[in-house]
Amino acid sequence: MKPFGNNIEIMLLVAILAAAAMVIGFGAGRARADAPRELCSSHDAVMQTLNGKFAETTVSMGLANNGTVVEVLSSPDGTWTIVMTAPNGVTCLLAAGDYWQTLPKKVAGKTL
């Protein structure tokens, strides 16, 4: 296993792990009668809503082994959302929150 080369790779790994944890949590929560329904739609519709309502844009993304694409979106105001898009094009919201911070990029110990 090769070591991670930079903060972007580490942030992507964290996002994927967070998304996986949310998927597991979402599945467990759906068994409850009062649990919210999954929020899914076409990728275009989800992106238009997140951009239009919250000014969020994609800041990182990755491809999971099962073919799903995980994206982290954030806004200048600090709102953030994690979405997952299946190979069939259906995109589901996994998590959302406030106070997103973009960390400075570092190469060989130097901040860029």
N, C-alpha and C. Protein backbone atom coordinates (compact mmCIF):
# COMPACT_ATOMS: atom_id res chain seq x y z
N MET A 1 0.84 -1.18 0.00
CA MET A 1 0.00 0.00 0.00
C MET A 1 0.88 1.24 0.00
N LYS A 2 0.67 2.13 -0.96
CA LYS A 2 1.50 3.32 -1.03
C LYS A 2 0.97 4.39 -0.09
N PRO A 3 1.84 5.24 0.46
CA PRO A 3 1.39 6.30 1.35
C PRO A 3 0.67 7.38 0.56
N PHE A 4 -0.21 8.10 1.22
CA PHE A 4 -0.92 9.19 0.57
C PHE A 4 0.05 10.33 0.32
N GLY A 5 -0.07 10.94 -0.86
CA GLY A 5 0.88 11.94 -1.27
C GLY A 5 0.58 13.35 -0.84
N ASN A 6 -0.70 13.70 -0.61
CA ASN A 6 -0.99 15.08 -0.24
C ASN A 6 -2.32 15.17 0.48
N ASN A 7 -2.64 16.37 0.93
CA ASN A 7 -3.86 16.58 1.71
C ASN A 7 -5.12 16.32 0.90
N ILE A 8 -5.07 16.53 -0.40
CA ILE A 8 -6.25 16.29 -1.24
C ILE A 8 -6.62 14.82 -1.18
N GLU A 9 -5.65 13.95 -1.28
CA GLU A 9 -5.92 12.52 -1.19
C GLU A 9 -6.46 12.15 0.18
N ILE A 10 -5.93 12.75 1.22
CA ILE A 10 -6.41 12.47 2.57
C ILE A 10 -7.84 12.98 2.73
N MET A 11 -8.11 14.19 2.23
CA MET A 11 -9.47 14.72 2.32
C MET A 11 -10.45 13.86 1.54
N LEU A 12 -10.03 13.37 0.40
CA LEU A 12 -10.89 12.51 -0.40
C LEU A 12 -11.18 11.22 0.35
N LEU A 13 -10.17 10.63 0.97
CA LEU A 13 -10.37 9.41 1.74
C LEU A 13 -11.33 9.66 2.90
N VAL A 14 -11.17 10.78 3.58
CA VAL A 14 -12.07 11.11 4.69
C VAL A 14 -13.49 11.27 4.17
N ALA A 15 -13.67 11.94 3.04
CA ALA A 15 -15.00 12.13 2.47
C ALA A 15 -15.64 10.81 2.10
N ILE A 16 -14.87 9.90 1.53
CA ILE A 16 -15.40 8.60 1.15
C ILE A 16 -15.78 7.80 2.39
N LEU A 17 -14.93 7.82 3.40
CA LEU A 17 -15.24 7.12 4.64
C LEU A 17 -16.47 7.71 5.32
N ALA A 18 -16.57 9.04 5.30
CA ALA A 18 -17.74 9.69 5.89
C ALA A 18 -19.01 9.31 5.12
N ALA A 19 -18.90 9.28 3.80
CA ALA A 19 -20.06 8.90 2.99
C ALA A 19 -20.47 7.46 3.26
N ALA A 20 -19.49 6.58 3.38
CA ALA A 20 -19.81 5.18 3.67
C ALA A 20 -20.49 5.06 5.03
N ALA A 21 -20.00 5.81 6.01
CA ALA A 21 -20.61 5.77 7.34
C ALA A 21 -22.04 6.30 7.29
N MET A 22 -22.25 7.34 6.49
CA MET A 22 -23.60 7.89 6.37
C MET A 22 -24.55 6.93 5.68
N VAL A 23 -24.05 6.21 4.68
CA VAL A 23 -24.90 5.24 3.98
C VAL A 23 -25.33 4.16 4.96
N ILE A 24 -24.40 3.69 5.78
CA ILE A 24 -24.73 2.68 6.77
C ILE A 24 -25.74 3.25 7.76
N GLY A 25 -25.51 4.47 8.22
CA GLY A 25 -26.43 5.10 9.16
C GLY A 25 -27.78 5.37 8.55
N PHE A 26 -27.82 5.79 7.28
CA PHE A 26 -29.08 6.03 6.58
C PHE A 26 -29.88 4.75 6.50
N GLY A 27 -29.22 3.64 6.17
CA GLY A 27 -29.92 2.36 6.05
C GLY A 27 -30.51 1.92 7.38
N ALA A 28 -29.78 2.14 8.46
CA ALA A 28 -30.28 1.76 9.77
C ALA A 28 -31.44 2.65 10.19
N GLY A 29 -31.36 3.94 9.88
CA GLY A 29 -32.40 4.88 10.27
C GLY A 29 -33.70 4.70 9.51
N ARG A 30 -33.65 4.17 8.31
CA ARG A 30 -34.86 4.03 7.51
C ARG A 30 -35.83 3.03 8.10
N ALA A 31 -35.36 2.16 8.98
CA ALA A 31 -36.25 1.18 9.58
C ALA A 31 -37.23 1.84 10.55
N ARG A 32 -36.88 3.01 11.07
CA ARG A 32 -37.76 3.72 11.99
C ARG A 32 -38.88 4.39 11.21
N ALA A 33 -40.05 4.43 11.79
CA ALA A 33 -41.21 5.03 11.12
C ALA A 33 -41.05 6.53 10.96
N ASP A 34 -40.37 7.21 11.89
CA ASP A 34 -40.24 8.66 11.82
C ASP A 34 -39.00 9.12 11.07
N ALA A 35 -38.25 8.18 10.49
CA ALA A 35 -37.02 8.53 9.78
C ALA A 35 -37.36 9.24 8.48
N PRO A 36 -36.56 10.27 8.11
CA PRO A 36 -36.82 10.96 6.84
C PRO A 36 -36.54 10.05 5.65
N ARG A 37 -37.23 10.31 4.56
CA ARG A 37 -36.97 9.55 3.33
C ARG A 37 -35.66 10.01 2.72
N GLU A 38 -35.03 9.12 1.97
CA GLU A 38 -33.81 9.52 1.27
C GLU A 38 -34.15 10.62 0.28
N LEU A 39 -33.24 11.54 0.13
CA LEU A 39 -33.42 12.64 -0.80
C LEU A 39 -32.62 12.36 -2.05
N CYS A 40 -33.29 11.86 -3.07
CA CYS A 40 -32.63 11.47 -4.31
C CYS A 40 -33.34 12.08 -5.51
N SER A 41 -32.56 12.36 -6.53
CA SER A 41 -33.10 12.88 -7.79
C SER A 41 -32.01 12.72 -8.84
N SER A 42 -32.24 13.31 -10.01
CA SER A 42 -31.20 13.27 -11.04
C SER A 42 -30.02 14.12 -10.59
N HIS A 43 -28.84 13.81 -11.09
CA HIS A 43 -27.64 14.56 -10.72
C HIS A 43 -27.82 16.04 -11.05
N ASP A 44 -28.32 16.34 -12.23
CA ASP A 44 -28.51 17.74 -12.64
C ASP A 44 -29.44 18.48 -11.69
N ALA A 45 -30.55 17.84 -11.30
CA ALA A 45 -31.52 18.49 -10.42
C ALA A 45 -30.91 18.77 -9.04
N VAL A 46 -30.17 17.81 -8.50
CA VAL A 46 -29.55 17.98 -7.19
C VAL A 46 -28.51 19.10 -7.24
N MET A 47 -27.66 19.10 -8.28
CA MET A 47 -26.63 20.12 -8.39
C MET A 47 -27.24 21.51 -8.57
N GLN A 48 -28.29 21.62 -9.37
CA GLN A 48 -28.94 22.92 -9.57
C GLN A 48 -29.53 23.44 -8.27
N THR A 49 -30.14 22.54 -7.49
CA THR A 49 -30.73 22.94 -6.21
C THR A 49 -29.65 23.40 -5.23
N LEU A 50 -28.59 22.60 -5.09
CA LEU A 50 -27.54 22.96 -4.14
C LEU A 50 -26.82 24.24 -4.55
N ASN A 51 -26.62 24.43 -5.85
CA ASN A 51 -25.98 25.65 -6.32
C ASN A 51 -26.91 26.85 -6.18
N GLY A 52 -28.17 26.66 -6.55
CA GLY A 52 -29.13 27.76 -6.52
C GLY A 52 -29.51 28.21 -5.12
N LYS A 53 -29.77 27.26 -4.22
CA LYS A 53 -30.22 27.60 -2.87
C LYS A 53 -29.08 27.93 -1.91
N PHE A 54 -27.93 27.26 -2.09
CA PHE A 54 -26.86 27.38 -1.12
C PHE A 54 -25.53 27.86 -1.71
N ALA A 55 -25.48 28.08 -3.02
CA ALA A 55 -24.25 28.48 -3.73
C ALA A 55 -23.14 27.45 -3.53
N GLU A 56 -23.51 26.17 -3.40
CA GLU A 56 -22.52 25.11 -3.22
C GLU A 56 -22.03 24.60 -4.57
N THR A 57 -20.73 24.34 -4.63
CA THR A 57 -20.12 23.74 -5.81
C THR A 57 -19.23 22.59 -5.36
N THR A 58 -18.92 21.69 -6.26
CA THR A 58 -18.10 20.53 -5.94
C THR A 58 -16.67 20.96 -5.63
N VAL A 59 -16.17 20.52 -4.47
CA VAL A 59 -14.80 20.84 -4.07
C VAL A 59 -13.90 19.60 -4.08
N SER A 60 -14.51 18.42 -4.04
CA SER A 60 -13.74 17.18 -4.17
C SER A 60 -14.69 16.06 -4.56
N MET A 61 -14.12 15.04 -5.17
CA MET A 61 -14.93 13.91 -5.60
C MET A 61 -14.06 12.68 -5.77
N GLY A 62 -14.69 11.52 -5.76
CA GLY A 62 -13.96 10.29 -5.94
C GLY A 62 -14.88 9.19 -6.45
N LEU A 63 -14.27 8.17 -7.01
CA LEU A 63 -15.01 7.03 -7.55
C LEU A 63 -14.83 5.84 -6.62
N ALA A 64 -15.94 5.31 -6.14
CA ALA A 64 -15.91 4.14 -5.26
C ALA A 64 -15.77 2.87 -6.10
N ASN A 65 -15.35 1.80 -5.46
CA ASN A 65 -15.16 0.52 -6.17
C ASN A 65 -16.43 0.00 -6.81
N ASN A 66 -17.60 0.36 -6.25
CA ASN A 66 -18.86 -0.13 -6.80
C ASN A 66 -19.40 0.75 -7.93
N GLY A 67 -18.62 1.74 -8.35
CA GLY A 67 -19.02 2.58 -9.48
C GLY A 67 -19.75 3.85 -9.10
N THR A 68 -20.02 4.06 -7.81
CA THR A 68 -20.68 5.29 -7.40
C THR A 68 -19.66 6.42 -7.30
N VAL A 69 -20.11 7.62 -7.56
CA VAL A 69 -19.28 8.80 -7.44
C VAL A 69 -19.71 9.55 -6.17
N VAL A 70 -18.75 9.85 -5.31
CA VAL A 70 -19.01 10.60 -4.09
C VAL A 70 -18.47 12.01 -4.30
N GLU A 71 -19.31 13.01 -4.03
CA GLU A 71 -18.90 14.40 -4.19
C GLU A 71 -19.10 15.16 -2.88
N VAL A 72 -18.17 16.03 -2.59
CA VAL A 72 -18.31 16.96 -1.47
C VAL A 72 -18.48 18.34 -2.08
N LEU A 73 -19.54 19.03 -1.70
CA LEU A 73 -19.82 20.38 -2.18
C LEU A 73 -19.74 21.33 -1.01
N SER A 74 -19.31 22.56 -1.26
CA SER A 74 -19.31 23.57 -0.20
C SER A 74 -19.56 24.93 -0.82
N SER A 75 -19.91 25.87 0.05
CA SER A 75 -20.19 27.23 -0.38
C SER A 75 -19.23 28.20 0.30
N PRO A 76 -19.13 29.42 -0.21
CA PRO A 76 -18.31 30.43 0.46
C PRO A 76 -18.79 30.74 1.88
N ASP A 77 -20.08 30.49 2.16
CA ASP A 77 -20.63 30.74 3.49
C ASP A 77 -20.35 29.61 4.46
N GLY A 78 -19.77 28.50 4.00
CA GLY A 78 -19.42 27.39 4.88
C GLY A 78 -20.40 26.25 4.91
N THR A 79 -21.51 26.32 4.15
CA THR A 79 -22.40 25.16 4.10
C THR A 79 -21.73 24.08 3.27
N TRP A 80 -22.06 22.82 3.55
CA TRP A 80 -21.48 21.71 2.80
C TRP A 80 -22.50 20.58 2.69
N THR A 81 -22.31 19.77 1.64
CA THR A 81 -23.16 18.61 1.39
C THR A 81 -22.31 17.50 0.80
N ILE A 82 -22.61 16.27 1.19
CA ILE A 82 -21.98 15.10 0.57
C ILE A 82 -23.08 14.35 -0.18
N VAL A 83 -22.83 14.10 -1.47
CA VAL A 83 -23.80 13.37 -2.28
C VAL A 83 -23.12 12.14 -2.90
N MET A 84 -23.94 11.18 -3.27
CA MET A 84 -23.45 9.97 -3.93
C MET A 84 -24.29 9.75 -5.18
N THR A 85 -23.63 9.54 -6.31
CA THR A 85 -24.33 9.31 -7.56
C THR A 85 -24.07 7.87 -8.02
N ALA A 86 -25.16 7.12 -8.21
CA ALA A 86 -25.06 5.74 -8.66
C ALA A 86 -24.78 5.72 -10.17
N PRO A 87 -24.32 4.58 -10.68
CA PRO A 87 -24.05 4.48 -12.12
C PRO A 87 -25.26 4.79 -13.00
N ASN A 88 -26.47 4.62 -12.46
CA ASN A 88 -27.67 4.92 -13.24
C ASN A 88 -28.02 6.41 -13.26
N GLY A 89 -27.20 7.25 -12.59
CA GLY A 89 -27.40 8.69 -12.62
C GLY A 89 -28.21 9.25 -11.48
N VAL A 90 -28.74 8.40 -10.60
CA VAL A 90 -29.51 8.88 -9.46
C VAL A 90 -28.55 9.37 -8.38
N THR A 91 -28.77 10.59 -7.92
CA THR A 91 -27.93 11.21 -6.90
C THR A 91 -28.71 11.34 -5.61
N CYS A 92 -28.09 10.93 -4.49
CA CYS A 92 -28.73 11.00 -3.18
C CYS A 92 -27.88 11.83 -2.23
N LEU A 93 -28.56 12.63 -1.43
CA LEU A 93 -27.89 13.41 -0.39
C LEU A 93 -27.54 12.48 0.76
N LEU A 94 -26.30 12.54 1.22
CA LEU A 94 -25.87 11.69 2.32
C LEU A 94 -25.73 12.45 3.62
N ALA A 95 -25.21 13.67 3.55
CA ALA A 95 -25.01 14.47 4.76
C ALA A 95 -24.89 15.93 4.35
N ALA A 96 -25.17 16.81 5.31
CA ALA A 96 -25.04 18.24 5.06
C ALA A 96 -24.77 18.94 6.38
N GLY A 97 -24.16 20.12 6.30
CA GLY A 97 -23.88 20.85 7.53
C GLY A 97 -23.34 22.23 7.26
N ASP A 98 -22.75 22.80 8.29
CA ASP A 98 -22.19 24.15 8.24
C ASP A 98 -20.73 24.13 8.65
N TYR A 99 -20.09 25.26 8.48
CA TYR A 99 -18.71 25.50 8.93
C TYR A 99 -17.67 24.69 8.18
N TRP A 100 -17.86 24.48 6.88
CA TRP A 100 -16.85 23.80 6.07
C TRP A 100 -15.61 24.67 6.01
N GLN A 101 -14.45 24.04 6.12
CA GLN A 101 -13.18 24.75 6.00
C GLN A 101 -12.31 24.04 5.00
N THR A 102 -11.76 24.80 4.06
CA THR A 102 -10.82 24.24 3.10
C THR A 102 -9.43 24.40 3.68
N LEU A 103 -8.73 23.28 3.82
CA LEU A 103 -7.39 23.31 4.39
C LEU A 103 -6.37 23.71 3.33
N PRO A 104 -5.30 24.38 3.73
CA PRO A 104 -4.27 24.73 2.76
C PRO A 104 -3.58 23.47 2.23
N LYS A 105 -3.21 23.51 0.96
CA LYS A 105 -2.52 22.38 0.34
C LYS A 105 -1.06 22.41 0.74
N LYS A 106 -0.51 21.23 1.00
CA LYS A 106 0.90 21.13 1.39
C LYS A 106 1.59 20.14 0.48
N VAL A 107 2.78 20.48 0.07
CA VAL A 107 3.63 19.59 -0.72
C VAL A 107 4.97 19.53 -0.01
N ALA A 108 5.40 18.34 0.36
CA ALA A 108 6.68 18.13 1.03
C ALA A 108 6.84 19.09 2.22
N GLY A 109 5.76 19.23 3.00
CA GLY A 109 5.83 20.04 4.20
C GLY A 109 5.68 21.53 4.00
N LYS A 110 5.52 21.98 2.75
CA LYS A 110 5.39 23.42 2.46
C LYS A 110 3.94 23.74 2.12
N THR A 111 3.43 24.80 2.69
CA THR A 111 2.07 25.26 2.37
C THR A 111 2.10 25.99 1.05
N LEU A 112 1.15 25.63 0.15
CA LEU A 112 1.08 26.31 -1.14
C LEU A 112 0.17 27.52 -1.07
